[in-house]
Amino acid sequence: DKLVEKDFDIEAKAPGVLNPLIVPYNANVTNNILEIRFYWAGKGTTAIPVGGVYGPLISAISVES
């Protein structure tokens, strides 16, 4: 229930195509549960093949204790 990033633009921050962007965060785990939520800002479109922004561009998440 805590906003960590607002209007995060992965395309602007990533070091290029096929290069990972590593952003470390600290999080609290309660009852062995880690909850991660992504909220789409609603910019662009979700209809392919029409051009636009298609939502989050996340391909992997790694968690370490």
PDB file of N, CA and C in Angstrom:
ATOM      1  N   ASP A   1       0.809  -1.206   0.000  1.00  0.00           N
ATOM      2  CA  ASP A   1       0.000   0.000   0.000  1.00  0.00           C
ATOM      3  C   ASP A   1       0.849   1.266   0.000  1.00  0.00           C
ATOM      4  N   LYS A   2       2.089   1.152  -0.503  1.00  0.00           N
ATOM      5  CA  LYS A   2       2.973   2.312  -0.561  1.00  0.00           C
ATOM      6  C   LYS A   2       3.446   2.512  -1.998  1.00  0.00           C
ATOM      7  N   LEU A   3       3.225   3.706  -2.526  1.00  0.00           N
ATOM      8  CA  LEU A   3       3.683   4.030  -3.878  1.00  0.00           C
ATOM      9  C   LEU A   3       5.195   4.238  -3.846  1.00  0.00           C
ATOM     10  N   VAL A   4       5.915   3.477  -4.678  1.00  0.00           N
ATOM     11  CA  VAL A   4       7.378   3.554  -4.707  1.00  0.00           C
ATOM     12  C   VAL A   4       7.853   4.360  -5.910  1.00  0.00           C
ATOM     13  N   GLU A   5       7.218   4.196  -7.042  1.00  0.00           N
ATOM     14  CA  GLU A   5       7.569   4.935  -8.261  1.00  0.00           C
ATOM     15  C   GLU A   5       6.293   5.518  -8.860  1.00  0.00           C
ATOM     16  N   LYS A   6       6.385   6.752  -9.352  1.00  0.00           N
ATOM     17  CA  LYS A   6       5.257   7.358 -10.049  1.00  0.00           C
ATOM     18  C   LYS A   6       5.745   7.821 -11.413  1.00  0.00           C
ATOM     19  N   ASP A   7       4.997   7.477 -12.439  1.00  0.00           N
ATOM     20  CA  ASP A   7       5.334   7.859 -13.816  1.00  0.00           C
ATOM     21  C   ASP A   7       6.740   7.401 -14.206  1.00  0.00           C
ATOM     22  N   PHE A   8       7.104   6.175 -13.823  1.00  0.00           N
ATOM     23  CA  PHE A   8       8.412   5.611 -14.154  1.00  0.00           C
ATOM     24  C   PHE A   8       8.450   5.294 -15.642  1.00  0.00           C
ATOM     25  N   ASP A   9       9.409   5.847 -16.359  1.00  0.00           N
ATOM     26  CA  ASP A   9       9.543   5.642 -17.804  1.00  0.00           C
ATOM     27  C   ASP A   9      10.730   4.722 -18.062  1.00  0.00           C
ATOM     28  N   ILE A  10      10.458   3.428 -18.185  1.00  0.00           N
ATOM     29  CA  ILE A  10      11.531   2.451 -18.360  1.00  0.00           C
ATOM     30  C   ILE A  10      12.284   2.663 -19.670  1.00  0.00           C
ATOM     31  N   GLU A  11      11.599   3.137 -20.696  1.00  0.00           N
ATOM     32  CA  GLU A  11      12.283   3.383 -21.965  1.00  0.00           C
ATOM     33  C   GLU A  11      13.323   4.497 -21.833  1.00  0.00           C
ATOM     34  N   ALA A  12      13.044   5.485 -21.008  1.00  0.00           N
ATOM     35  CA  ALA A  12      13.979   6.594 -20.815  1.00  0.00           C
ATOM     36  C   ALA A  12      15.144   6.192 -19.906  1.00  0.00           C
ATOM     37  N   LYS A  13      14.914   5.272 -18.963  1.00  0.00           N
ATOM     38  CA  LYS A  13      15.940   4.913 -17.983  1.00  0.00           C
ATOM     39  C   LYS A  13      16.772   3.696 -18.373  1.00  0.00           C
ATOM     40  N   ALA A  14      16.247   2.830 -19.225  1.00  0.00           N
ATOM     41  CA  ALA A  14      16.960   1.603 -19.590  1.00  0.00           C
ATOM     42  C   ALA A  14      18.213   1.936 -20.402  1.00  0.00           C
ATOM     43  N   PRO A  15      19.281   1.153 -20.204  1.00  0.00           N
ATOM     44  CA  PRO A  15      20.532   1.417 -20.927  1.00  0.00           C
ATOM     45  C   PRO A  15      20.545   0.899 -22.360  1.00  0.00           C
ATOM     46  N   GLY A  16      19.407   0.607 -22.937  1.00  0.00           N
ATOM     47  CA  GLY A  16      19.345   0.156 -24.324  1.00  0.00           C
ATOM     48  C   GLY A  16      18.644  -1.185 -24.444  1.00  0.00           C
ATOM     49  N   VAL A  17      18.420  -1.586 -25.666  1.00  0.00           N
ATOM     50  CA  VAL A  17      17.735  -2.841 -25.963  1.00  0.00           C
ATOM     51  C   VAL A  17      18.574  -4.026 -25.485  1.00  0.00           C
ATOM     52  N   LEU A  18      17.937  -4.990 -24.870  1.00  0.00           N
ATOM     53  CA  LEU A  18      18.550  -6.219 -24.363  1.00  0.00           C
ATOM     54  C   LEU A  18      19.568  -5.979 -23.246  1.00  0.00           C
ATOM     55  N   ASN A  19      19.565  -4.796 -22.647  1.00  0.00           N
ATOM     56  CA  ASN A  19      20.411  -4.492 -21.497  1.00  0.00           C
ATOM     57  C   ASN A  19      19.503  -4.318 -20.288  1.00  0.00           C
ATOM     58  N   PRO A  20      19.729  -5.073 -19.232  1.00  0.00           N
ATOM     59  CA  PRO A  20      18.822  -5.007 -18.083  1.00  0.00           C
ATOM     60  C   PRO A  20      18.934  -3.693 -17.321  1.00  0.00           C
ATOM     61  N   LEU A  21      17.822  -3.273 -16.799  1.00  0.00           N
ATOM     62  CA  LEU A  21      17.779  -2.124 -15.890  1.00  0.00           C
ATOM     63  C   LEU A  21      17.569  -2.696 -14.497  1.00  0.00           C
ATOM     64  N   ILE A  22      18.520  -2.497 -13.613  1.00  0.00           N
ATOM     65  CA  ILE A  22      18.443  -3.034 -12.260  1.00  0.00           C
ATOM     66  C   ILE A  22      18.176  -1.879 -11.306  1.00  0.00           C
ATOM     67  N   VAL A  23      17.026  -1.955 -10.633  1.00  0.00           N
ATOM     68  CA  VAL A  23      16.630  -0.921  -9.683  1.00  0.00           C
ATOM     69  C   VAL A  23      16.328  -1.613  -8.355  1.00  0.00           C
ATOM     70  N   PRO A  24      17.227  -1.504  -7.376  1.00  0.00           N
ATOM     71  CA  PRO A  24      16.984  -2.184  -6.098  1.00  0.00           C
ATOM     72  C   PRO A  24      15.995  -1.421  -5.218  1.00  0.00           C
ATOM     73  N   TYR A  25      15.138  -2.158  -4.535  1.00  0.00           N
ATOM     74  CA  TYR A  25      14.185  -1.601  -3.580  1.00  0.00           C
ATOM     75  C   TYR A  25      14.207  -2.470  -2.330  1.00  0.00           C
ATOM     76  N   ASN A  26      13.969  -1.870  -1.197  1.00  0.00           N
ATOM     77  CA  ASN A  26      13.769  -2.613   0.037  1.00  0.00           C
ATOM     78  C   ASN A  26      12.273  -2.756   0.252  1.00  0.00           C
ATOM     79  N   ALA A  27      11.854  -3.934   0.707  1.00  0.00           N
ATOM     80  CA  ALA A  27      10.429  -4.178   0.929  1.00  0.00           C
ATOM     81  C   ALA A  27      10.237  -5.011   2.183  1.00  0.00           C
ATOM     82  N   ASN A  28       9.112  -4.821   2.825  1.00  0.00           N
ATOM     83  CA  ASN A  28       8.760  -5.621   3.985  1.00  0.00           C
ATOM     84  C   ASN A  28       7.931  -6.816   3.543  1.00  0.00           C
ATOM     85  N   VAL A  29       8.225  -7.954   4.116  1.00  0.00           N
ATOM     86  CA  VAL A  29       7.476  -9.179   3.831  1.00  0.00           C
ATOM     87  C   VAL A  29       6.704  -9.541   5.089  1.00  0.00           C
ATOM     88  N   THR A  30       5.393  -9.742   4.938  1.00  0.00           N
ATOM     89  CA  THR A  30       4.534 -10.074   6.063  1.00  0.00           C
ATOM     90  C   THR A  30       3.900 -11.436   5.834  1.00  0.00           C
ATOM     91  N   ASN A  31       4.023 -12.314   6.801  1.00  0.00           N
ATOM     92  CA  ASN A  31       3.465 -13.675   6.697  1.00  0.00           C
ATOM     93  C   ASN A  31       3.966 -14.405   5.450  1.00  0.00           C
ATOM     94  N   ASN A  32       5.252 -14.218   5.116  1.00  0.00           N
ATOM     95  CA  ASN A  32       5.876 -14.860   3.953  1.00  0.00           C
ATOM     96  C   ASN A  32       5.249 -14.458   2.624  1.00  0.00           C
ATOM     97  N   ILE A  33       4.642 -13.280   2.559  1.00  0.00           N
ATOM     98  CA  ILE A  33       3.998 -12.818   1.324  1.00  0.00           C
ATOM     99  C   ILE A  33       4.581 -11.470   0.917  1.00  0.00           C
ATOM    100  N   LEU A  34       5.049 -11.402  -0.315  1.00  0.00           N
ATOM    101  CA  LEU A  34       5.505 -10.147  -0.916  1.00  0.00           C
ATOM    102  C   LEU A  34       4.543  -9.817  -2.039  1.00  0.00           C
ATOM    103  N   GLU A  35       3.901  -8.688  -1.947  1.00  0.00           N
ATOM    104  CA  GLU A  35       2.905  -8.305  -2.959  1.00  0.00           C
ATOM    105  C   GLU A  35       3.458  -7.147  -3.781  1.00  0.00           C
ATOM    106  N   ILE A  36       3.467  -7.318  -5.106  1.00  0.00           N
ATOM    107  CA  ILE A  36       3.932  -6.285  -6.030  1.00  0.00           C
ATOM    108  C   ILE A  36       2.790  -5.993  -6.989  1.00  0.00           C
ATOM    109  N   ARG A  37       2.425  -4.740  -7.118  1.00  0.00           N
ATOM    110  CA  ARG A  37       1.338  -4.353  -8.025  1.00  0.00           C
ATOM    111  C   ARG A  37       1.842  -3.320  -9.015  1.00  0.00           C
ATOM    112  N   PHE A  38       1.411  -3.471 -10.260  1.00  0.00           N
ATOM    113  CA  PHE A  38       1.705  -2.502 -11.301  1.00  0.00           C
ATOM    114  C   PHE A  38       0.393  -1.883 -11.727  1.00  0.00           C
ATOM    115  N   TYR A  39       0.345  -0.575 -11.753  1.00  0.00           N
ATOM    116  CA  TYR A  39      -0.846   0.124 -12.201  1.00  0.00           C
ATOM    117  C   TYR A  39      -0.538   0.818 -13.510  1.00  0.00           C
ATOM    118  N   TRP A  40      -1.357   0.557 -14.496  1.00  0.00           N
ATOM    119  CA  TRP A  40      -1.187   1.166 -15.806  1.00  0.00           C
ATOM    120  C   TRP A  40      -1.838   2.537 -15.787  1.00  0.00           C
ATOM    121  N   ALA A  41      -1.125   3.556 -16.248  1.00  0.00           N
ATOM    122  CA  ALA A  41      -1.628   4.925 -16.219  1.00  0.00           C
ATOM    123  C   ALA A  41      -2.719   5.170 -17.254  1.00  0.00           C
ATOM    124  N   GLY A  42      -2.933   4.212 -18.165  1.00  0.00           N
ATOM    125  CA  GLY A  42      -3.983   4.372 -19.161  1.00  0.00           C
ATOM    126  C   GLY A  42      -3.576   5.203 -20.357  1.00  0.00           C
ATOM    127  N   LYS A  43      -2.284   5.460 -20.502  1.00  0.00           N
ATOM    128  CA  LYS A  43      -1.814   6.239 -21.641  1.00  0.00           C
ATOM    129  C   LYS A  43      -1.702   5.329 -22.856  1.00  0.00           C
ATOM    130  N   GLY A  44      -2.030   5.842 -24.014  1.00  0.00           N
ATOM    131  CA  GLY A  44      -1.900   5.052 -25.228  1.00  0.00           C
ATOM    132  C   GLY A  44      -3.077   4.124 -25.432  1.00  0.00           C
ATOM    133  N   THR A  45      -2.788   2.948 -25.955  1.00  0.00           N
ATOM    134  CA  THR A  45      -3.847   2.019 -26.311  1.00  0.00           C
ATOM    135  C   THR A  45      -3.428   0.596 -25.976  1.00  0.00           C
ATOM    136  N   THR A  46      -4.382  -0.281 -25.827  1.00  0.00           N
ATOM    137  CA  THR A  46      -4.076  -1.697 -25.663  1.00  0.00           C
ATOM    138  C   THR A  46      -4.464  -2.483 -26.902  1.00  0.00           C
ATOM    139  N   ALA A  47      -4.898  -1.790 -27.938  1.00  0.00           N
ATOM    140  CA  ALA A  47      -5.343  -2.452 -29.167  1.00  0.00           C
ATOM    141  C   ALA A  47      -4.185  -2.562 -30.155  1.00  0.00           C
ATOM    142  N   ILE A  48      -3.762  -3.774 -30.390  1.00  0.00           N
ATOM    143  CA  ILE A  48      -2.705  -4.014 -31.371  1.00  0.00           C
ATOM    144  C   ILE A  48      -3.387  -4.288 -32.703  1.00  0.00           C
ATOM    145  N   PRO A  49      -2.981  -3.801 -33.826  1.00  0.00           N
ATOM    146  CA  PRO A  49      -1.693  -3.199 -34.167  1.00  0.00           C
ATOM    147  C   PRO A  49      -1.667  -1.676 -34.154  1.00  0.00           C
ATOM    148  N   VAL A  50      -2.624  -0.999 -33.559  1.00  0.00           N
ATOM    149  CA  VAL A  50      -2.607   0.455 -33.524  1.00  0.00           C
ATOM    150  C   VAL A  50      -1.438   0.926 -32.662  1.00  0.00           C
ATOM    151  N   GLY A  51      -0.682   1.896 -33.149  1.00  0.00           N
ATOM    152  CA  GLY A  51       0.483   2.383 -32.433  1.00  0.00           C
ATOM    153  C   GLY A  51       0.127   3.086 -31.145  1.00  0.00           C
ATOM    154  N   GLY A  52       0.995   3.023 -30.158  1.00  0.00           N
ATOM    155  CA  GLY A  52       0.755   3.689 -28.886  1.00  0.00           C
ATOM    156  C   GLY A  52       1.533   3.041 -27.772  1.00  0.00           C
ATOM    157  N   VAL A  53       1.226   3.416 -26.564  1.00  0.00           N
ATOM    158  CA  VAL A  53       1.850   2.847 -25.386  1.00  0.00           C
ATOM    159  C   VAL A  53       1.003   1.672 -24.935  1.00  0.00           C
ATOM    160  N   TYR A  54       1.616   0.526 -24.711  1.00  0.00           N
ATOM    161  CA  TYR A  54       0.862  -0.684 -24.434  1.00  0.00           C
ATOM    162  C   TYR A  54       0.917  -1.125 -22.977  1.00  0.00           C
ATOM    163  N   GLY A  55       1.324  -0.271 -22.078  1.00  0.00           N
ATOM    164  CA  GLY A  55       1.349  -0.646 -20.668  1.00  0.00           C
ATOM    165  C   GLY A  55       2.741  -0.971 -20.180  1.00  0.00           C
ATOM    166  N   PRO A  56       2.874  -1.635 -19.026  1.00  0.00           N
ATOM    167  CA  PRO A  56       4.175  -1.902 -18.438  1.00  0.00           C
ATOM    168  C   PRO A  56       5.082  -2.761 -19.329  1.00  0.00           C
ATOM    169  N   LEU A  57       6.370  -2.437 -19.327  1.00  0.00           N
ATOM    170  CA  LEU A  57       7.360  -3.186 -20.097  1.00  0.00           C
ATOM    171  C   LEU A  57       8.266  -3.943 -19.150  1.00  0.00           C
ATOM    172  N   ILE A  58       7.715  -4.853 -18.389  1.00  0.00           N
ATOM    173  CA  ILE A  58       8.465  -5.640 -17.410  1.00  0.00           C
ATOM    174  C   ILE A  58       8.572  -7.064 -17.917  1.00  0.00           C
ATOM    175  N   SER A  59       9.787  -7.600 -17.945  1.00  0.00           N
ATOM    176  CA  SER A  59       9.950  -8.972 -18.394  1.00  0.00           C
ATOM    177  C   SER A  59      10.414  -9.898 -17.284  1.00  0.00           C
ATOM    178  N   ALA A  60      10.925  -9.330 -16.177  1.00  0.00           N
ATOM    179  CA  ALA A  60      11.403 -10.184 -15.088  1.00  0.00           C
ATOM    180  C   ALA A  60      11.520  -9.389 -13.794  1.00  0.00           C
ATOM    181  N   ILE A  61      11.327 -10.088 -12.697  1.00  0.00           N
ATOM    182  CA  ILE A  61      11.543  -9.520 -11.374  1.00  0.00           C
ATOM    183  C   ILE A  61      12.332 -10.536 -10.579  1.00  0.00           C
ATOM    184  N   SER A  62      13.379 -10.080  -9.924  1.00  0.00           N
ATOM    185  CA  SER A  62      14.191 -10.959  -9.091  1.00  0.00           C
ATOM    186  C   SER A  62      14.078 -10.496  -7.650  1.00  0.00           C
ATOM    187  N   VAL A  63      13.883 -11.449  -6.725  1.00  0.00           N
ATOM    188  CA  VAL A  63      13.744 -11.120  -5.314  1.00  0.00           C
ATOM    189  C   VAL A  63      14.797 -11.876  -4.532  1.00  0.00           C
ATOM    190  N   GLU A  64      15.522 -11.157  -3.690  1.00  0.00           N
ATOM    191  CA  GLU A  64      16.537 -11.774  -2.824  1.00  0.00           C
ATOM    192  C   GLU A  64      16.202 -11.462  -1.391  1.00  0.00           C
ATOM    193  N   SER A  65      16.457 -12.431  -0.500  1.00  0.00           N
ATOM    194  CA  SER A  65      16.188 -12.152   0.920  1.00  0.00           C
ATOM    195  C   SER A  65      17.426 -11.582   1.578  1.00  0.00           C
TER     196      SER A  65
END
